[in-house]
Amino acid sequence: AYFTELAPSINDQCLDMLDRAENEELATKLKVYARIVHA
């Protein structure tokens, strides 16, 4: 709750990327998190 309020754009972008990945595998999620950290 703290981060969704504090940095909603980061959270929204992360959730969107995870949804679009359509893959629940660990490696896919880690790559999404890496793209978020990079961005």
PDB file of all heavy atoms in Angstrom:
ATOM      1  N   ALA A   1       0.832  -1.207   0.000  1.00  0.00           N
ATOM      2  CA  ALA A   1       0.000   0.000   0.000  1.00  0.00           C
ATOM      3  C   ALA A   1       0.863   1.253   0.000  1.00  0.00           C
ATOM      4  O   ALA A   1       0.577   2.219  -0.711  1.00  0.00           O
ATOM      5  CB  ALA A   1      -0.931  -0.003   1.208  1.00  0.00           C
ATOM      6  N   TYR A   2       1.929   1.226   0.774  1.00  0.00           N
ATOM      7  CA  TYR A   2       2.834   2.371   0.859  1.00  0.00           C
ATOM      8  C   TYR A   2       3.422   2.691  -0.514  1.00  0.00           C
ATOM      9  O   TYR A   2       3.413   3.833  -0.960  1.00  0.00           O
ATOM     10  CB  TYR A   2       3.945   2.055   1.863  1.00  0.00           C
ATOM     11  CG  TYR A   2       4.984   3.140   2.004  1.00  0.00           C
ATOM     12  CD1 TYR A   2       4.692   4.321   2.678  1.00  0.00           C
ATOM     13  CD2 TYR A   2       6.247   2.979   1.472  1.00  0.00           C
ATOM     14  CE1 TYR A   2       5.642   5.314   2.821  1.00  0.00           C
ATOM     15  CE2 TYR A   2       7.211   3.963   1.614  1.00  0.00           C
ATOM     16  CZ  TYR A   2       6.905   5.122   2.283  1.00  0.00           C
ATOM     17  OH  TYR A   2       7.851   6.098   2.417  1.00  0.00           O
ATOM     18  N   PHE A   3       3.912   1.675  -1.220  1.00  0.00           N
ATOM     19  CA  PHE A   3       4.543   1.926  -2.508  1.00  0.00           C
ATOM     20  C   PHE A   3       3.552   2.219  -3.617  1.00  0.00           C
ATOM     21  O   PHE A   3       3.863   2.957  -4.541  1.00  0.00           O
ATOM     22  CB  PHE A   3       5.468   0.770  -2.890  1.00  0.00           C
ATOM     23  CG  PHE A   3       6.738   0.827  -2.110  1.00  0.00           C
ATOM     24  CD1 PHE A   3       6.987  -0.088  -1.114  1.00  0.00           C
ATOM     25  CD2 PHE A   3       7.649   1.835  -2.322  1.00  0.00           C
ATOM     26  CE1 PHE A   3       8.142  -0.007  -0.364  1.00  0.00           C
ATOM     27  CE2 PHE A   3       8.809   1.925  -1.568  1.00  0.00           C
ATOM     28  CZ  PHE A   3       9.053   0.996  -0.590  1.00  0.00           C
ATOM     29  N   THR A   4       2.375   1.647  -3.541  1.00  0.00           N
ATOM     30  CA  THR A   4       1.394   1.969  -4.575  1.00  0.00           C
ATOM     31  C   THR A   4       0.938   3.416  -4.447  1.00  0.00           C
ATOM     32  O   THR A   4       0.560   4.038  -5.434  1.00  0.00           O
ATOM     33  CB  THR A   4       0.183   1.019  -4.537  1.00  0.00           C
ATOM     34  OG1 THR A   4      -0.395   1.039  -3.243  1.00  0.00           O
ATOM     35  CG2 THR A   4       0.588  -0.400  -4.901  1.00  0.00           C
ATOM     36  N   GLU A   5       0.995   3.958  -3.258  1.00  0.00           N
ATOM     37  CA  GLU A   5       0.650   5.366  -3.061  1.00  0.00           C
ATOM     38  C   GLU A   5       1.856   6.275  -3.288  1.00  0.00           C
ATOM     39  O   GLU A   5       1.724   7.359  -3.826  1.00  0.00           O
ATOM     40  CB  GLU A   5       0.092   5.581  -1.650  1.00  0.00           C
ATOM     41  CG  GLU A   5      -1.243   4.937  -1.415  1.00  0.00           C
ATOM     42  CD  GLU A   5      -2.323   5.451  -2.351  1.00  0.00           C
ATOM     43  OE1 GLU A   5      -2.396   6.675  -2.593  1.00  0.00           O
ATOM     44  OE2 GLU A   5      -3.092   4.620  -2.862  1.00  0.00           O
ATOM     45  N   LEU A   6       3.034   5.827  -2.875  1.00  0.00           N
ATOM     46  CA  LEU A   6       4.229   6.653  -2.952  1.00  0.00           C
ATOM     47  C   LEU A   6       4.767   6.748  -4.385  1.00  0.00           C
ATOM     48  O   LEU A   6       5.171   7.810  -4.832  1.00  0.00           O
ATOM     49  CB  LEU A   6       5.310   6.089  -2.027  1.00  0.00           C
ATOM     50  CG  LEU A   6       6.547   6.927  -1.830  1.00  0.00           C
ATOM     51  CD1 LEU A   6       6.192   8.288  -1.232  1.00  0.00           C
ATOM     52  CD2 LEU A   6       7.509   6.215  -0.908  1.00  0.00           C
ATOM     53  N   ALA A   7       4.774   5.641  -5.079  1.00  0.00           N
ATOM     54  CA  ALA A   7       5.304   5.601  -6.441  1.00  0.00           C
ATOM     55  C   ALA A   7       4.338   4.831  -7.334  1.00  0.00           C
ATOM     56  O   ALA A   7       4.669   3.767  -7.849  1.00  0.00           O
ATOM     57  CB  ALA A   7       6.691   4.965  -6.443  1.00  0.00           C
ATOM     58  N   PRO A   8       3.131   5.365  -7.519  1.00  0.00           N
ATOM     59  CA  PRO A   8       2.125   4.611  -8.279  1.00  0.00           C
ATOM     60  C   PRO A   8       2.527   4.334  -9.725  1.00  0.00           C
ATOM     61  O   PRO A   8       2.165   3.292 -10.268  1.00  0.00           O
ATOM     62  CB  PRO A   8       0.873   5.471  -8.192  1.00  0.00           C
ATOM     63  CG  PRO A   8       1.359   6.830  -7.869  1.00  0.00           C
ATOM     64  CD  PRO A   8       2.618   6.645  -7.080  1.00  0.00           C
ATOM     65  N   SER A   9       3.277   5.213 -10.347  1.00  0.00           N
ATOM     66  CA  SER A   9       3.643   4.971 -11.744  1.00  0.00           C
ATOM     67  C   SER A   9       4.556   3.757 -11.880  1.00  0.00           C
ATOM     68  O   SER A   9       4.431   2.983 -12.837  1.00  0.00           O
ATOM     69  CB  SER A   9       4.304   6.203 -12.365  1.00  0.00           C
ATOM     70  OG  SER A   9       5.526   6.492 -11.725  1.00  0.00           O
ATOM     71  N   ILE A  10       5.459   3.573 -10.925  1.00  0.00           N
ATOM     72  CA  ILE A  10       6.331   2.394 -10.948  1.00  0.00           C
ATOM     73  C   ILE A  10       5.489   1.138 -10.773  1.00  0.00           C
ATOM     74  O   ILE A  10       5.626   0.172 -11.519  1.00  0.00           O
ATOM     75  CB  ILE A  10       7.413   2.481  -9.852  1.00  0.00           C
ATOM     76  CG1 ILE A  10       8.370   3.633 -10.137  1.00  0.00           C
ATOM     77  CG2 ILE A  10       8.171   1.159  -9.739  1.00  0.00           C
ATOM     78  CD1 ILE A  10       9.361   3.910  -9.019  1.00  0.00           C
ATOM     79  N   ASN A  11       4.610   1.156  -9.795  1.00  0.00           N
ATOM     80  CA  ASN A  11       3.763  -0.008  -9.531  1.00  0.00           C
ATOM     81  C   ASN A  11       2.853  -0.304 -10.718  1.00  0.00           C
ATOM     82  O   ASN A  11       2.733  -1.457 -11.145  1.00  0.00           O
ATOM     83  CB  ASN A  11       2.940   0.220  -8.268  1.00  0.00           C
ATOM     84  CG  ASN A  11       2.233  -1.029  -7.833  1.00  0.00           C
ATOM     85  OD1 ASN A  11       2.864  -2.019  -7.488  1.00  0.00           O
ATOM     86  ND2 ASN A  11       0.918  -1.000  -7.852  1.00  0.00           N
ATOM     87  N   ASP A  12       2.231   0.707 -11.283  1.00  0.00           N
ATOM     88  CA  ASP A  12       1.334   0.505 -12.422  1.00  0.00           C
ATOM     89  C   ASP A  12       2.082  -0.069 -13.618  1.00  0.00           C
ATOM     90  O   ASP A  12       1.598  -0.978 -14.292  1.00  0.00           O
ATOM     91  CB  ASP A  12       0.651   1.813 -12.821  1.00  0.00           C
ATOM     92  CG  ASP A  12      -0.349   2.292 -11.781  1.00  0.00           C
ATOM     93  OD1 ASP A  12      -0.715   1.507 -10.885  1.00  0.00           O
ATOM     94  OD2 ASP A  12      -0.741   3.475 -11.869  1.00  0.00           O
ATOM     95  N   GLN A  13       3.262   0.471 -13.883  1.00  0.00           N
ATOM     96  CA  GLN A  13       4.051  -0.020 -15.008  1.00  0.00           C
ATOM     97  C   GLN A  13       4.476  -1.475 -14.768  1.00  0.00           C
ATOM     98  O   GLN A  13       4.410  -2.303 -15.680  1.00  0.00           O
ATOM     99  CB  GLN A  13       5.279   0.854 -15.228  1.00  0.00           C
ATOM    100  CG  GLN A  13       6.074   0.456 -16.446  1.00  0.00           C
ATOM    101  CD  GLN A  13       7.284   1.335 -16.669  1.00  0.00           C
ATOM    102  OE1 GLN A  13       7.685   2.107 -15.808  1.00  0.00           O
ATOM    103  NE2 GLN A  13       7.883   1.223 -17.838  1.00  0.00           N
ATOM    104  N   CYS A  14       4.870  -1.784 -13.571  1.00  0.00           N
ATOM    105  CA  CYS A  14       5.280  -3.150 -13.238  1.00  0.00           C
ATOM    106  C   CYS A  14       4.115  -4.120 -13.417  1.00  0.00           C
ATOM    107  O   CYS A  14       4.266  -5.171 -14.062  1.00  0.00           O
ATOM    108  CB  CYS A  14       5.812  -3.208 -11.811  1.00  0.00           C
ATOM    109  SG  CYS A  14       6.485  -4.813 -11.366  1.00  0.00           S
ATOM    110  N   LEU A  15       2.969  -3.789 -12.879  1.00  0.00           N
ATOM    111  CA  LEU A  15       1.801  -4.656 -13.016  1.00  0.00           C
ATOM    112  C   LEU A  15       1.408  -4.836 -14.474  1.00  0.00           C
ATOM    113  O   LEU A  15       1.059  -5.938 -14.904  1.00  0.00           O
ATOM    114  CB  LEU A  15       0.635  -4.108 -12.201  1.00  0.00           C
ATOM    115  CG  LEU A  15       0.815  -4.129 -10.682  1.00  0.00           C
ATOM    116  CD1 LEU A  15      -0.373  -3.459 -10.014  1.00  0.00           C
ATOM    117  CD2 LEU A  15       1.016  -5.541 -10.167  1.00  0.00           C
ATOM    118  N   ASP A  16       1.478  -3.760 -15.249  1.00  0.00           N
ATOM    119  CA  ASP A  16       1.149  -3.834 -16.668  1.00  0.00           C
ATOM    120  C   ASP A  16       2.116  -4.754 -17.409  1.00  0.00           C
ATOM    121  O   ASP A  16       1.701  -5.593 -18.214  1.00  0.00           O
ATOM    122  CB  ASP A  16       1.164  -2.430 -17.282  1.00  0.00           C
ATOM    123  CG  ASP A  16       0.790  -2.448 -18.752  1.00  0.00           C
ATOM    124  OD1 ASP A  16      -0.305  -2.959 -19.082  1.00  0.00           O
ATOM    125  OD2 ASP A  16       1.594  -1.951 -19.565  1.00  0.00           O
ATOM    126  N   MET A  17       3.390  -4.624 -17.135  1.00  0.00           N
ATOM    127  CA  MET A  17       4.386  -5.463 -17.795  1.00  0.00           C
ATOM    128  C   MET A  17       4.221  -6.924 -17.405  1.00  0.00           C
ATOM    129  O   MET A  17       4.366  -7.820 -18.250  1.00  0.00           O
ATOM    130  CB  MET A  17       5.791  -4.971 -17.469  1.00  0.00           C
ATOM    131  CG  MET A  17       6.124  -3.649 -18.117  1.00  0.00           C
ATOM    132  SD  MET A  17       7.702  -2.973 -17.559  1.00  0.00           S
ATOM    133  CE  MET A  17       8.831  -3.944 -18.537  1.00  0.00           C
ATOM    134  N   LEU A  18       3.918  -7.194 -16.154  1.00  0.00           N
ATOM    135  CA  LEU A  18       3.685  -8.565 -15.718  1.00  0.00           C
ATOM    136  C   LEU A  18       2.450  -9.149 -16.394  1.00  0.00           C
ATOM    137  O   LEU A  18       2.457 -10.308 -16.818  1.00  0.00           O
ATOM    138  CB  LEU A  18       3.553  -8.636 -14.199  1.00  0.00           C
ATOM    139  CG  LEU A  18       4.843  -8.440 -13.404  1.00  0.00           C
ATOM    140  CD1 LEU A  18       4.542  -8.270 -11.924  1.00  0.00           C
ATOM    141  CD2 LEU A  18       5.810  -9.593 -13.627  1.00  0.00           C
ATOM    142  N   ASP A  19       1.391  -8.359 -16.519  1.00  0.00           N
ATOM    143  CA  ASP A  19       0.175  -8.817 -17.202  1.00  0.00           C
ATOM    144  C   ASP A  19       0.451  -9.126 -18.673  1.00  0.00           C
ATOM    145  O   ASP A  19      -0.014 -10.126 -19.204  1.00  0.00           O
ATOM    146  CB  ASP A  19      -0.941  -7.781 -17.113  1.00  0.00           C
ATOM    147  CG  ASP A  19      -1.602  -7.738 -15.752  1.00  0.00           C
ATOM    148  OD1 ASP A  19      -1.422  -8.684 -14.954  1.00  0.00           O
ATOM    149  OD2 ASP A  19      -2.298  -6.741 -15.477  1.00  0.00           O
ATOM    150  N   ARG A  20       1.190  -8.251 -19.325  1.00  0.00           N
ATOM    151  CA  ARG A  20       1.476  -8.441 -20.748  1.00  0.00           C
ATOM    152  C   ARG A  20       2.436  -9.595 -21.003  1.00  0.00           C
ATOM    153  O   ARG A  20       2.438 -10.158 -22.096  1.00  0.00           O
ATOM    154  CB  ARG A  20       2.034  -7.159 -21.365  1.00  0.00           C
ATOM    155  CG  ARG A  20       0.943  -6.108 -21.561  1.00  0.00           C
ATOM    156  CD  ARG A  20       1.430  -4.908 -22.324  1.00  0.00           C
ATOM    157  NE  ARG A  20       2.306  -4.128 -21.450  1.00  0.00           N
ATOM    158  CZ  ARG A  20       3.435  -3.546 -21.848  1.00  0.00           C
ATOM    159  NH1 ARG A  20       3.832  -3.632 -23.087  1.00  0.00           N
ATOM    160  NH2 ARG A  20       4.173  -2.869 -21.001  1.00  0.00           N
ATOM    161  N   ALA A  21       3.236  -9.955 -20.016  1.00  0.00           N
ATOM    162  CA  ALA A  21       4.194 -11.051 -20.187  1.00  0.00           C
ATOM    163  C   ALA A  21       3.476 -12.377 -20.410  1.00  0.00           C
ATOM    164  O   ALA A  21       4.011 -13.267 -21.073  1.00  0.00           O
ATOM    165  CB  ALA A  21       5.115 -11.143 -18.988  1.00  0.00           C
ATOM    166  N   GLU A  22       2.286 -12.519 -19.858  1.00  0.00           N
ATOM    167  CA  GLU A  22       1.479 -13.728 -20.007  1.00  0.00           C
ATOM    168  C   GLU A  22       2.274 -14.985 -19.673  1.00  0.00           C
ATOM    169  O   GLU A  22       2.088 -16.038 -20.268  1.00  0.00           O
ATOM    170  CB  GLU A  22       0.910 -13.828 -21.424  1.00  0.00           C
ATOM    171  CG  GLU A  22      -0.045 -12.717 -21.768  1.00  0.00           C
ATOM    172  CD  GLU A  22      -0.613 -12.849 -23.169  1.00  0.00           C
ATOM    173  OE1 GLU A  22      -0.266 -13.808 -23.871  1.00  0.00           O
ATOM    174  OE2 GLU A  22      -1.393 -11.973 -23.550  1.00  0.00           O
ATOM    175  N   ASN A  23       3.194 -14.861 -18.737  1.00  0.00           N
ATOM    176  CA  ASN A  23       4.046 -15.978 -18.368  1.00  0.00           C
ATOM    177  C   ASN A  23       4.365 -15.826 -16.888  1.00  0.00           C
ATOM    178  O   ASN A  23       4.884 -14.803 -16.469  1.00  0.00           O
ATOM    179  CB  ASN A  23       5.322 -15.919 -19.211  1.00  0.00           C
ATOM    180  CG  ASN A  23       6.224 -17.096 -18.991  1.00  0.00           C
ATOM    181  OD1 ASN A  23       6.244 -17.695 -17.925  1.00  0.00           O
ATOM    182  ND2 ASN A  23       7.004 -17.419 -20.007  1.00  0.00           N
ATOM    183  N   GLU A  24       4.064 -16.829 -16.134  1.00  0.00           N
ATOM    184  CA  GLU A  24       4.257 -16.774 -14.686  1.00  0.00           C
ATOM    185  C   GLU A  24       5.610 -17.343 -14.243  1.00  0.00           C
ATOM    186  O   GLU A  24       5.854 -17.496 -13.057  1.00  0.00           O
ATOM    187  CB  GLU A  24       3.130 -17.537 -13.987  1.00  0.00           C
ATOM    188  CG  GLU A  24       1.766 -16.907 -14.162  1.00  0.00           C
ATOM    189  CD  GLU A  24       1.610 -15.614 -13.364  1.00  0.00           C
ATOM    190  OE1 GLU A  24       2.160 -15.536 -12.253  1.00  0.00           O
ATOM    191  OE2 GLU A  24       0.957 -14.701 -13.865  1.00  0.00           O
ATOM    192  N   GLU A  25       6.482 -17.686 -15.188  1.00  0.00           N
ATOM    193  CA  GLU A  25       7.751 -18.300 -14.835  1.00  0.00           C
ATOM    194  C   GLU A  25       8.663 -17.310 -14.110  1.00  0.00           C
ATOM    195  O   GLU A  25       8.642 -16.108 -14.369  1.00  0.00           O
ATOM    196  CB  GLU A  25       8.454 -18.830 -16.079  1.00  0.00           C
ATOM    197  CG  GLU A  25       7.728 -20.004 -16.720  1.00  0.00           C
ATOM    198  CD  GLU A  25       8.453 -20.528 -17.936  1.00  0.00           C
ATOM    199  OE1 GLU A  25       9.634 -20.203 -18.127  1.00  0.00           O
ATOM    200  OE2 GLU A  25       7.823 -21.277 -18.694  1.00  0.00           O
ATOM    201  N   LEU A  26       9.485 -17.855 -13.235  1.00  0.00           N
ATOM    202  CA  LEU A  26      10.413 -17.058 -12.435  1.00  0.00           C
ATOM    203  C   LEU A  26      11.302 -16.185 -13.311  1.00  0.00           C
ATOM    204  O   LEU A  26      11.441 -14.988 -13.070  1.00  0.00           O
ATOM    205  CB  LEU A  26      11.266 -17.990 -11.566  1.00  0.00           C
ATOM    206  CG  LEU A  26      12.405 -17.342 -10.804  1.00  0.00           C
ATOM    207  CD1 LEU A  26      11.866 -16.594  -9.605  1.00  0.00           C
ATOM    208  CD2 LEU A  26      13.417 -18.380 -10.384  1.00  0.00           C
ATOM    209  N   ALA A  27      11.901 -16.769 -14.332  1.00  0.00           N
ATOM    210  CA  ALA A  27      12.825 -16.025 -15.186  1.00  0.00           C
ATOM    211  C   ALA A  27      12.136 -14.847 -15.865  1.00  0.00           C
ATOM    212  O   ALA A  27      12.722 -13.772 -15.998  1.00  0.00           O
ATOM    213  CB  ALA A  27      13.438 -16.954 -16.228  1.00  0.00           C
ATOM    214  N   THR A  28      10.894 -15.030 -16.277  1.00  0.00           N
ATOM    215  CA  THR A  28      10.147 -13.949 -16.921  1.00  0.00           C
ATOM    216  C   THR A  28       9.892 -12.815 -15.944  1.00  0.00           C
ATOM    217  O   THR A  28      10.095 -11.641 -16.273  1.00  0.00           O
ATOM    218  CB  THR A  28       8.813 -14.477 -17.479  1.00  0.00           C
ATOM    219  OG1 THR A  28       9.088 -15.510 -18.425  1.00  0.00           O
ATOM    220  CG2 THR A  28       8.009 -13.374 -18.134  1.00  0.00           C
ATOM    221  N   LYS A  29       9.463 -13.155 -14.737  1.00  0.00           N
ATOM    222  CA  LYS A  29       9.206 -12.125 -13.732  1.00  0.00           C
ATOM    223  C   LYS A  29      10.481 -11.370 -13.382  1.00  0.00           C
ATOM    224  O   LYS A  29      10.466 -10.139 -13.229  1.00  0.00           O
ATOM    225  CB  LYS A  29       8.600 -12.738 -12.475  1.00  0.00           C
ATOM    226  CG  LYS A  29       7.160 -13.153 -12.654  1.00  0.00           C
ATOM    227  CD  LYS A  29       6.599 -13.676 -11.359  1.00  0.00           C
ATOM    228  CE  LYS A  29       5.128 -14.016 -11.493  1.00  0.00           C
ATOM    229  NZ  LYS A  29       4.545 -14.456 -10.232  1.00  0.00           N
ATOM    230  N   LEU A  30      11.597 -12.072 -13.255  1.00  0.00           N
ATOM    231  CA  LEU A  30      12.860 -11.401 -12.934  1.00  0.00           C
ATOM    232  C   LEU A  30      13.265 -10.440 -14.040  1.00  0.00           C
ATOM    233  O   LEU A  30      13.766  -9.344 -13.766  1.00  0.00           O
ATOM    234  CB  LEU A  30      13.961 -12.429 -12.673  1.00  0.00           C
ATOM    235  CG  LEU A  30      13.786 -13.275 -11.409  1.00  0.00           C
ATOM    236  CD1 LEU A  30      14.921 -14.282 -11.283  1.00  0.00           C
ATOM    237  CD2 LEU A  30      13.688 -12.415 -10.162  1.00  0.00           C
ATOM    238  N   LYS A  31      13.032 -10.815 -15.293  1.00  0.00           N
ATOM    239  CA  LYS A  31      13.343  -9.914 -16.410  1.00  0.00           C
ATOM    240  C   LYS A  31      12.443  -8.679 -16.385  1.00  0.00           C
ATOM    241  O   LYS A  31      12.898  -7.573 -16.675  1.00  0.00           O
ATOM    242  CB  LYS A  31      13.206 -10.647 -17.744  1.00  0.00           C
ATOM    243  CG  LYS A  31      14.316 -11.638 -17.984  1.00  0.00           C
ATOM    244  CD  LYS A  31      14.111 -12.398 -19.275  1.00  0.00           C
ATOM    245  CE  LYS A  31      15.164 -13.469 -19.439  1.00  0.00           C
ATOM    246  NZ  LYS A  31      14.916 -14.295 -20.626  1.00  0.00           N
ATOM    247  N   VAL A  32      11.180  -8.862 -16.031  1.00  0.00           N
ATOM    248  CA  VAL A  32      10.266  -7.719 -15.919  1.00  0.00           C
ATOM    249  C   VAL A  32      10.754  -6.793 -14.821  1.00  0.00           C
ATOM    250  O   VAL A  32      10.836  -5.574 -15.009  1.00  0.00           O
ATOM    251  CB  VAL A  32       8.816  -8.180 -15.665  1.00  0.00           C
ATOM    252  CG1 VAL A  32       7.937  -7.015 -15.216  1.00  0.00           C
ATOM    253  CG2 VAL A  32       8.237  -8.833 -16.903  1.00  0.00           C
ATOM    254  N   TYR A  33      11.111  -7.349 -13.669  1.00  0.00           N
ATOM    255  CA  TYR A  33      11.619  -6.517 -12.575  1.00  0.00           C
ATOM    256  C   TYR A  33      12.905  -5.805 -12.985  1.00  0.00           C
ATOM    257  O   TYR A  33      13.117  -4.642 -12.633  1.00  0.00           O
ATOM    258  CB  TYR A  33      11.838  -7.346 -11.310  1.00  0.00           C
ATOM    259  CG  TYR A  33      10.554  -7.800 -10.656  1.00  0.00           C
ATOM    260  CD1 TYR A  33      10.391  -9.107 -10.227  1.00  0.00           C
ATOM    261  CD2 TYR A  33       9.498  -6.925 -10.464  1.00  0.00           C
ATOM    262  CE1 TYR A  33       9.216  -9.534  -9.628  1.00  0.00           C
ATOM    263  CE2 TYR A  33       8.315  -7.331  -9.878  1.00  0.00           C
ATOM    264  CZ  TYR A  33       8.178  -8.640  -9.459  1.00  0.00           C
ATOM    265  OH  TYR A  33       7.009  -9.047  -8.870  1.00  0.00           O
ATOM    266  N   ALA A  34      13.751  -6.467 -13.754  1.00  0.00           N
ATOM    267  CA  ALA A  34      14.983  -5.825 -14.231  1.00  0.00           C
ATOM    268  C   ALA A  34      14.666  -4.643 -15.133  1.00  0.00           C
ATOM    269  O   ALA A  34      15.305  -3.588 -15.037  1.00  0.00           O
ATOM    270  CB  ALA A  34      15.849  -6.842 -14.962  1.00  0.00           C
ATOM    271  N   ARG A  35      13.676  -4.803 -16.011  1.00  0.00           N
ATOM    272  CA  ARG A  35      13.298  -3.687 -16.893  1.00  0.00           C
ATOM    273  C   ARG A  35      12.735  -2.522 -16.083  1.00  0.00           C
ATOM    274  O   ARG A  35      12.976  -1.357 -16.408  1.00  0.00           O
ATOM    275  CB  ARG A  35      12.302  -4.168 -17.953  1.00  0.00           C
ATOM    276  CG  ARG A  35      12.971  -5.111 -18.940  1.00  0.00           C
ATOM    277  CD  ARG A  35      12.219  -5.365 -20.231  1.00  0.00           C
ATOM    278  NE  ARG A  35      10.791  -5.288 -20.203  1.00  0.00           N
ATOM    279  CZ  ARG A  35       9.965  -6.323 -20.371  1.00  0.00           C
ATOM    280  NH1 ARG A  35      10.441  -7.531 -20.542  1.00  0.00           N
ATOM    281  NH2 ARG A  35       8.665  -6.146 -20.369  1.00  0.00           N
ATOM    282  N   ILE A  36      11.989  -2.834 -15.020  1.00  0.00           N
ATOM    283  CA  ILE A  36      11.451  -1.782 -14.150  1.00  0.00           C
ATOM    284  C   ILE A  36      12.590  -1.061 -13.429  1.00  0.00           C
ATOM    285  O   ILE A  36      12.623   0.176 -13.360  1.00  0.00           O
ATOM    286  CB  ILE A  36      10.447  -2.370 -13.142  1.00  0.00           C
ATOM    287  CG1 ILE A  36       9.183  -2.851 -13.854  1.00  0.00           C
ATOM    288  CG2 ILE A  36      10.106  -1.377 -12.037  1.00  0.00           C
ATOM    289  CD1 ILE A  36       8.383  -1.761 -14.530  1.00  0.00           C
ATOM    290  N   VAL A  37      13.525  -1.828 -12.877  1.00  0.00           N
ATOM    291  CA  VAL A  37      14.675  -1.218 -12.187  1.00  0.00           C
ATOM    292  C   VAL A  37      15.453  -0.344 -13.156  1.00  0.00           C
ATOM    293  O   VAL A  37      15.848   0.777 -12.820  1.00  0.00           O
ATOM    294  CB  VAL A  37      15.579  -2.305 -11.562  1.00  0.00           C
ATOM    295  CG1 VAL A  37      16.905  -1.722 -11.088  1.00  0.00           C
ATOM    296  CG2 VAL A  37      14.862  -2.979 -10.394  1.00  0.00           C
ATOM    297  N   HIS A  38      15.665  -0.831 -14.365  1.00  0.00           N
ATOM    298  CA  HIS A  38      16.395  -0.062 -15.370  1.00  0.00           C
ATOM    299  C   HIS A  38      15.645   1.223 -15.738  1.00  0.00           C
ATOM    300  O   HIS A  38      16.232   2.303 -15.775  1.00  0.00           O
ATOM    301  CB  HIS A  38      16.623  -0.921 -16.616  1.00  0.00           C
ATOM    302  CG  HIS A  38      17.228  -0.176 -17.749  1.00  0.00           C
ATOM    303  ND1 HIS A  38      18.530   0.258 -17.743  1.00  0.00           N
ATOM    304  CD2 HIS A  38      16.693   0.236 -18.926  1.00  0.00           C
ATOM    305  CE1 HIS A  38      18.777   0.907 -18.865  1.00  0.00           C
ATOM    306  NE2 HIS A  38      17.685   0.903 -19.601  1.00  0.00           N
ATOM    307  N   ALA A  39      14.358   1.100 -15.983  1.00  0.00           N
ATOM    308  CA  ALA A  39      13.556   2.258 -16.404  1.00  0.00           C
ATOM    309  C   ALA A  39      13.466   3.329 -15.322  1.00  0.00           C
ATOM    310  O   ALA A  39      13.361   4.517 -15.629  1.00  0.00           O
ATOM    311  CB  ALA A  39      12.151   1.805 -16.807  1.00  0.00           C
TER     312      ALA A  39
END
